[in-house]
Amino acid sequence: MNFKFSELVSQIIKGLKSYFEKNQIEVNENFYEELMNKLNIELSKPFNEQIFTPTQILNDYIKDALKEDLKITPHELGSELNNSLILWGIEKAKYFDDKSI
């Protein structure tokens, strides 16, 4: 797997912090550490073992931790994240395409 999921995770956290700041949503720093851990666990798995997308992980975690159903989209977290998610999707598609040969 050539994709650097650590960069994707960092962009998610950075974008979410910015989103929360703009929308005056306060969380403790532990919130971000736990989210980063959940993202790292899922995204470090081989593509065929990943069950959730980064956006699903993010929104499920927010719903559980904050008891809020915000349904944040990648667009709301910045263009860098949007681009990284597209690259993640391309890498995942390539992985499955290579497996079908």
N, C-alpha and C. Protein backbone atom coordinates (compact mmCIF):
# COMPACT_ATOMS: atom_id res chain seq x y z
N MET A 1 0.86 -1.18 0.00
CA MET A 1 0.00 0.00 0.00
C MET A 1 0.90 1.23 0.00
N ASN A 2 0.83 2.03 -1.04
CA ASN A 2 1.65 3.23 -1.18
C ASN A 2 1.05 4.44 -0.48
N PHE A 3 -0.23 4.40 -0.20
CA PHE A 3 -0.92 5.55 0.35
C PHE A 3 -0.47 5.81 1.78
N LYS A 4 -0.21 7.06 2.09
CA LYS A 4 0.22 7.45 3.43
C LYS A 4 -1.00 7.88 4.25
N PHE A 5 -1.58 6.90 4.96
CA PHE A 5 -2.79 7.20 5.71
C PHE A 5 -2.52 8.16 6.86
N SER A 6 -1.29 8.23 7.35
CA SER A 6 -0.99 9.15 8.46
C SER A 6 -1.22 10.60 8.06
N GLU A 7 -0.93 10.91 6.80
CA GLU A 7 -1.18 12.27 6.30
C GLU A 7 -2.69 12.54 6.25
N LEU A 8 -3.45 11.56 5.83
CA LEU A 8 -4.91 11.70 5.78
C LEU A 8 -5.47 11.93 7.18
N VAL A 9 -4.99 11.16 8.14
CA VAL A 9 -5.45 11.30 9.52
C VAL A 9 -5.12 12.70 10.05
N SER A 10 -3.92 13.17 9.79
CA SER A 10 -3.52 14.52 10.23
C SER A 10 -4.41 15.59 9.63
N GLN A 11 -4.75 15.43 8.35
CA GLN A 11 -5.60 16.42 7.68
C GLN A 11 -7.03 16.38 8.24
N ILE A 12 -7.51 15.20 8.59
CA ILE A 12 -8.84 15.10 9.20
C ILE A 12 -8.86 15.85 10.53
N ILE A 13 -7.86 15.62 11.36
CA ILE A 13 -7.79 16.27 12.67
C ILE A 13 -7.66 17.78 12.50
N LYS A 14 -6.78 18.21 11.63
CA LYS A 14 -6.58 19.65 11.38
C LYS A 14 -7.87 20.30 10.88
N GLY A 15 -8.52 19.67 9.92
CA GLY A 15 -9.76 20.21 9.38
C GLY A 15 -10.88 20.23 10.40
N LEU A 16 -10.95 19.19 11.23
CA LEU A 16 -11.99 19.13 12.26
C LEU A 16 -11.78 20.21 13.32
N LYS A 17 -10.53 20.42 13.71
CA LYS A 17 -10.24 21.49 14.69
C LYS A 17 -10.70 22.84 14.14
N SER A 18 -10.40 23.09 12.88
CA SER A 18 -10.81 24.34 12.24
C SER A 18 -12.34 24.44 12.17
N TYR A 19 -12.98 23.35 11.79
CA TYR A 19 -14.45 23.32 11.70
C TYR A 19 -15.08 23.60 13.07
N PHE A 20 -14.55 22.95 14.10
CA PHE A 20 -15.09 23.15 15.45
C PHE A 20 -14.87 24.59 15.92
N GLU A 21 -13.71 25.15 15.61
CA GLU A 21 -13.42 26.53 16.00
C GLU A 21 -14.40 27.49 15.33
N LYS A 22 -14.62 27.30 14.02
CA LYS A 22 -15.55 28.16 13.27
C LYS A 22 -16.97 28.05 13.80
N ASN A 23 -17.34 26.86 14.26
CA ASN A 23 -18.71 26.62 14.72
C ASN A 23 -18.83 26.65 16.24
N GLN A 24 -17.79 27.12 16.90
CA GLN A 24 -17.76 27.29 18.34
C GLN A 24 -18.16 26.01 19.09
N ILE A 25 -17.58 24.91 18.67
CA ILE A 25 -17.79 23.62 19.33
C ILE A 25 -16.53 23.33 20.12
N GLU A 26 -16.67 23.15 21.42
CA GLU A 26 -15.51 22.92 22.27
C GLU A 26 -15.41 21.46 22.67
N VAL A 27 -14.20 20.95 22.55
CA VAL A 27 -13.89 19.58 22.98
C VAL A 27 -12.53 19.62 23.67
N ASN A 28 -12.25 18.58 24.47
CA ASN A 28 -10.92 18.54 25.08
C ASN A 28 -9.95 17.87 24.11
N GLU A 29 -8.66 18.04 24.39
CA GLU A 29 -7.63 17.51 23.49
C GLU A 29 -7.70 15.99 23.39
N ASN A 30 -8.17 15.35 24.43
CA ASN A 30 -8.32 13.89 24.43
C ASN A 30 -9.28 13.43 23.33
N PHE A 31 -10.24 14.26 23.00
CA PHE A 31 -11.19 13.96 21.92
C PHE A 31 -10.45 13.68 20.62
N TYR A 32 -9.50 14.55 20.29
CA TYR A 32 -8.75 14.40 19.04
C TYR A 32 -7.82 13.19 19.08
N GLU A 33 -7.23 12.95 20.24
CA GLU A 33 -6.33 11.79 20.38
C GLU A 33 -7.11 10.49 20.18
N GLU A 34 -8.28 10.40 20.75
CA GLU A 34 -9.10 9.19 20.60
C GLU A 34 -9.56 9.01 19.15
N LEU A 35 -9.95 10.11 18.52
CA LEU A 35 -10.36 10.05 17.11
C LEU A 35 -9.18 9.61 16.25
N MET A 36 -8.01 10.19 16.50
CA MET A 36 -6.82 9.82 15.74
C MET A 36 -6.52 8.32 15.91
N ASN A 37 -6.68 7.82 17.11
CA ASN A 37 -6.45 6.40 17.37
C ASN A 37 -7.42 5.54 16.56
N LYS A 38 -8.70 5.90 16.57
CA LYS A 38 -9.70 5.14 15.82
C LYS A 38 -9.40 5.16 14.31
N LEU A 39 -9.03 6.32 13.80
CA LEU A 39 -8.69 6.43 12.38
C LEU A 39 -7.46 5.60 12.05
N ASN A 40 -6.44 5.68 12.89
CA ASN A 40 -5.21 4.92 12.64
C ASN A 40 -5.46 3.42 12.66
N ILE A 41 -6.26 2.95 13.58
CA ILE A 41 -6.55 1.52 13.66
C ILE A 41 -7.22 1.04 12.38
N GLU A 42 -8.25 1.75 11.94
CA GLU A 42 -8.99 1.32 10.76
C GLU A 42 -8.18 1.48 9.47
N LEU A 43 -7.52 2.62 9.32
CA LEU A 43 -6.85 2.91 8.05
C LEU A 43 -5.50 2.20 7.91
N SER A 44 -4.97 1.67 8.99
CA SER A 44 -3.72 0.91 8.90
C SER A 44 -3.96 -0.52 8.43
N LYS A 45 -5.21 -0.93 8.41
CA LYS A 45 -5.55 -2.27 7.92
C LYS A 45 -5.40 -2.32 6.40
N PRO A 46 -5.17 -3.51 5.86
CA PRO A 46 -5.20 -3.63 4.39
C PRO A 46 -6.57 -3.18 3.87
N PHE A 47 -6.60 -2.67 2.66
CA PHE A 47 -7.86 -2.14 2.12
C PHE A 47 -9.01 -3.13 2.20
N ASN A 48 -8.74 -4.39 1.95
CA ASN A 48 -9.82 -5.38 1.96
C ASN A 48 -10.36 -5.65 3.37
N GLU A 49 -9.67 -5.20 4.40
CA GLU A 49 -10.13 -5.38 5.77
C GLU A 49 -10.74 -4.11 6.37
N GLN A 50 -10.64 -3.03 5.64
CA GLN A 50 -11.24 -1.77 6.12
C GLN A 50 -12.75 -1.84 5.94
N ILE A 51 -13.45 -1.59 7.01
CA ILE A 51 -14.91 -1.67 6.97
C ILE A 51 -15.53 -0.28 6.76
N PHE A 52 -14.91 0.74 7.32
CA PHE A 52 -15.47 2.09 7.30
C PHE A 52 -14.59 3.06 6.53
N THR A 53 -15.22 4.07 5.95
CA THR A 53 -14.47 5.14 5.30
C THR A 53 -14.01 6.12 6.39
N PRO A 54 -13.02 6.94 6.09
CA PRO A 54 -12.60 7.94 7.07
C PRO A 54 -13.75 8.85 7.52
N THR A 55 -14.60 9.22 6.60
CA THR A 55 -15.73 10.09 6.95
C THR A 55 -16.72 9.38 7.87
N GLN A 56 -16.96 8.11 7.63
CA GLN A 56 -17.84 7.34 8.52
C GLN A 56 -17.26 7.25 9.92
N ILE A 57 -15.97 6.99 10.01
CA ILE A 57 -15.31 6.91 11.32
C ILE A 57 -15.46 8.23 12.04
N LEU A 58 -15.18 9.32 11.34
CA LEU A 58 -15.28 10.66 11.91
C LEU A 58 -16.68 10.94 12.44
N ASN A 59 -17.68 10.76 11.61
CA ASN A 59 -19.05 11.09 12.01
C ASN A 59 -19.59 10.14 13.09
N ASP A 60 -19.23 8.87 13.03
CA ASP A 60 -19.65 7.94 14.09
C ASP A 60 -19.01 8.32 15.42
N TYR A 61 -17.75 8.69 15.38
CA TYR A 61 -17.06 9.09 16.62
C TYR A 61 -17.68 10.35 17.20
N ILE A 62 -17.94 11.33 16.37
CA ILE A 62 -18.56 12.58 16.85
C ILE A 62 -19.92 12.28 17.47
N LYS A 63 -20.70 11.45 16.81
CA LYS A 63 -22.02 11.11 17.32
C LYS A 63 -21.93 10.43 18.69
N ASP A 64 -20.99 9.50 18.83
CA ASP A 64 -20.83 8.80 20.11
C ASP A 64 -20.26 9.70 21.20
N ALA A 65 -19.21 10.45 20.87
CA ALA A 65 -18.49 11.24 21.87
C ALA A 65 -19.23 12.51 22.27
N LEU A 66 -19.86 13.15 21.30
CA LEU A 66 -20.51 14.45 21.57
C LEU A 66 -22.02 14.37 21.63
N LYS A 67 -22.54 13.20 21.32
CA LYS A 67 -24.01 13.03 21.26
C LYS A 67 -24.64 14.03 20.30
N GLU A 68 -23.91 14.28 19.21
CA GLU A 68 -24.35 15.18 18.15
C GLU A 68 -24.27 14.44 16.82
N ASP A 69 -25.28 14.61 15.99
CA ASP A 69 -25.29 13.99 14.67
C ASP A 69 -25.02 15.08 13.64
N LEU A 70 -23.75 15.48 13.52
CA LEU A 70 -23.39 16.62 12.68
C LEU A 70 -23.29 16.29 11.20
N LYS A 71 -22.96 15.06 10.85
CA LYS A 71 -22.80 14.64 9.45
C LYS A 71 -21.87 15.58 8.68
N ILE A 72 -20.65 15.66 9.16
CA ILE A 72 -19.64 16.51 8.54
C ILE A 72 -19.16 15.87 7.24
N THR A 73 -19.04 16.68 6.21
CA THR A 73 -18.55 16.20 4.92
C THR A 73 -17.08 16.59 4.76
N PRO A 74 -16.35 15.88 3.91
CA PRO A 74 -14.95 16.25 3.68
C PRO A 74 -14.80 17.68 3.18
N HIS A 75 -15.75 18.13 2.39
CA HIS A 75 -15.71 19.50 1.86
C HIS A 75 -15.63 20.52 2.99
N GLU A 76 -16.31 20.24 4.08
CA GLU A 76 -16.33 21.17 5.22
C GLU A 76 -15.00 21.20 5.98
N LEU A 77 -14.14 20.23 5.71
CA LEU A 77 -12.88 20.14 6.44
C LEU A 77 -11.68 20.59 5.60
N GLY A 78 -11.92 21.09 4.41
CA GLY A 78 -10.85 21.67 3.62
C GLY A 78 -10.50 20.91 2.36
N SER A 79 -9.95 21.64 1.41
CA SER A 79 -9.64 21.06 0.10
C SER A 79 -8.48 20.05 0.17
N GLU A 80 -7.53 20.26 1.08
CA GLU A 80 -6.43 19.30 1.22
C GLU A 80 -6.97 17.93 1.61
N LEU A 81 -7.89 17.92 2.56
CA LEU A 81 -8.49 16.65 2.98
C LEU A 81 -9.29 16.05 1.83
N ASN A 82 -10.04 16.88 1.16
CA ASN A 82 -10.83 16.40 0.02
C ASN A 82 -9.94 15.68 -0.99
N ASN A 83 -8.81 16.29 -1.32
CA ASN A 83 -7.87 15.70 -2.27
C ASN A 83 -7.28 14.40 -1.73
N SER A 84 -6.95 14.37 -0.46
CA SER A 84 -6.39 13.15 0.14
C SER A 84 -7.40 12.02 0.14
N LEU A 85 -8.66 12.35 0.38
CA LEU A 85 -9.69 11.31 0.35
C LEU A 85 -9.88 10.75 -1.06
N ILE A 86 -9.76 11.60 -2.04
CA ILE A 86 -9.84 11.13 -3.43
C ILE A 86 -8.68 10.18 -3.71
N LEU A 87 -7.48 10.54 -3.27
CA LEU A 87 -6.32 9.67 -3.46
C LEU A 87 -6.48 8.34 -2.72
N TRP A 88 -7.03 8.40 -1.51
CA TRP A 88 -7.30 7.19 -0.74
C TRP A 88 -8.26 6.29 -1.52
N GLY A 89 -9.31 6.88 -2.07
CA GLY A 89 -10.29 6.12 -2.84
C GLY A 89 -9.68 5.50 -4.09
N ILE A 90 -8.80 6.25 -4.75
CA ILE A 90 -8.13 5.73 -5.94
C ILE A 90 -7.23 4.55 -5.57
N GLU A 91 -6.47 4.70 -4.50
CA GLU A 91 -5.59 3.62 -4.05
C GLU A 91 -6.40 2.38 -3.67
N LYS A 92 -7.53 2.59 -3.02
CA LYS A 92 -8.37 1.46 -2.62
C LYS A 92 -8.94 0.77 -3.86
N ALA A 93 -9.38 1.55 -4.82
CA ALA A 93 -9.91 0.98 -6.07
C ALA A 93 -8.82 0.20 -6.82
N LYS A 94 -7.60 0.75 -6.86
CA LYS A 94 -6.49 0.06 -7.51
C LYS A 94 -6.21 -1.26 -6.82
N TYR A 95 -6.26 -1.25 -5.50
CA TYR A 95 -6.01 -2.48 -4.74
C TYR A 95 -7.00 -3.57 -5.15
N PHE A 96 -8.28 -3.22 -5.21
CA PHE A 96 -9.28 -4.22 -5.57
C PHE A 96 -9.21 -4.60 -7.05
N ASP A 97 -8.82 -3.65 -7.88
CA ASP A 97 -8.66 -3.96 -9.30
C ASP A 97 -7.52 -4.95 -9.50
N ASP A 98 -6.42 -4.74 -8.78
CA ASP A 98 -5.28 -5.65 -8.87
C ASP A 98 -5.63 -7.05 -8.34
N LYS A 99 -6.49 -7.11 -7.36
CA LYS A 99 -6.89 -8.39 -6.77
C LYS A 99 -7.82 -9.17 -7.70
N SER A 100 -8.49 -8.48 -8.60
CA SER A 100 -9.45 -9.15 -9.49
C SER A 100 -8.79 -9.76 -10.72
N ILE A 101 -7.52 -9.47 -10.91
CA ILE A 101 -6.81 -9.98 -12.11
C ILE A 101 -6.36 -11.42 -11.87
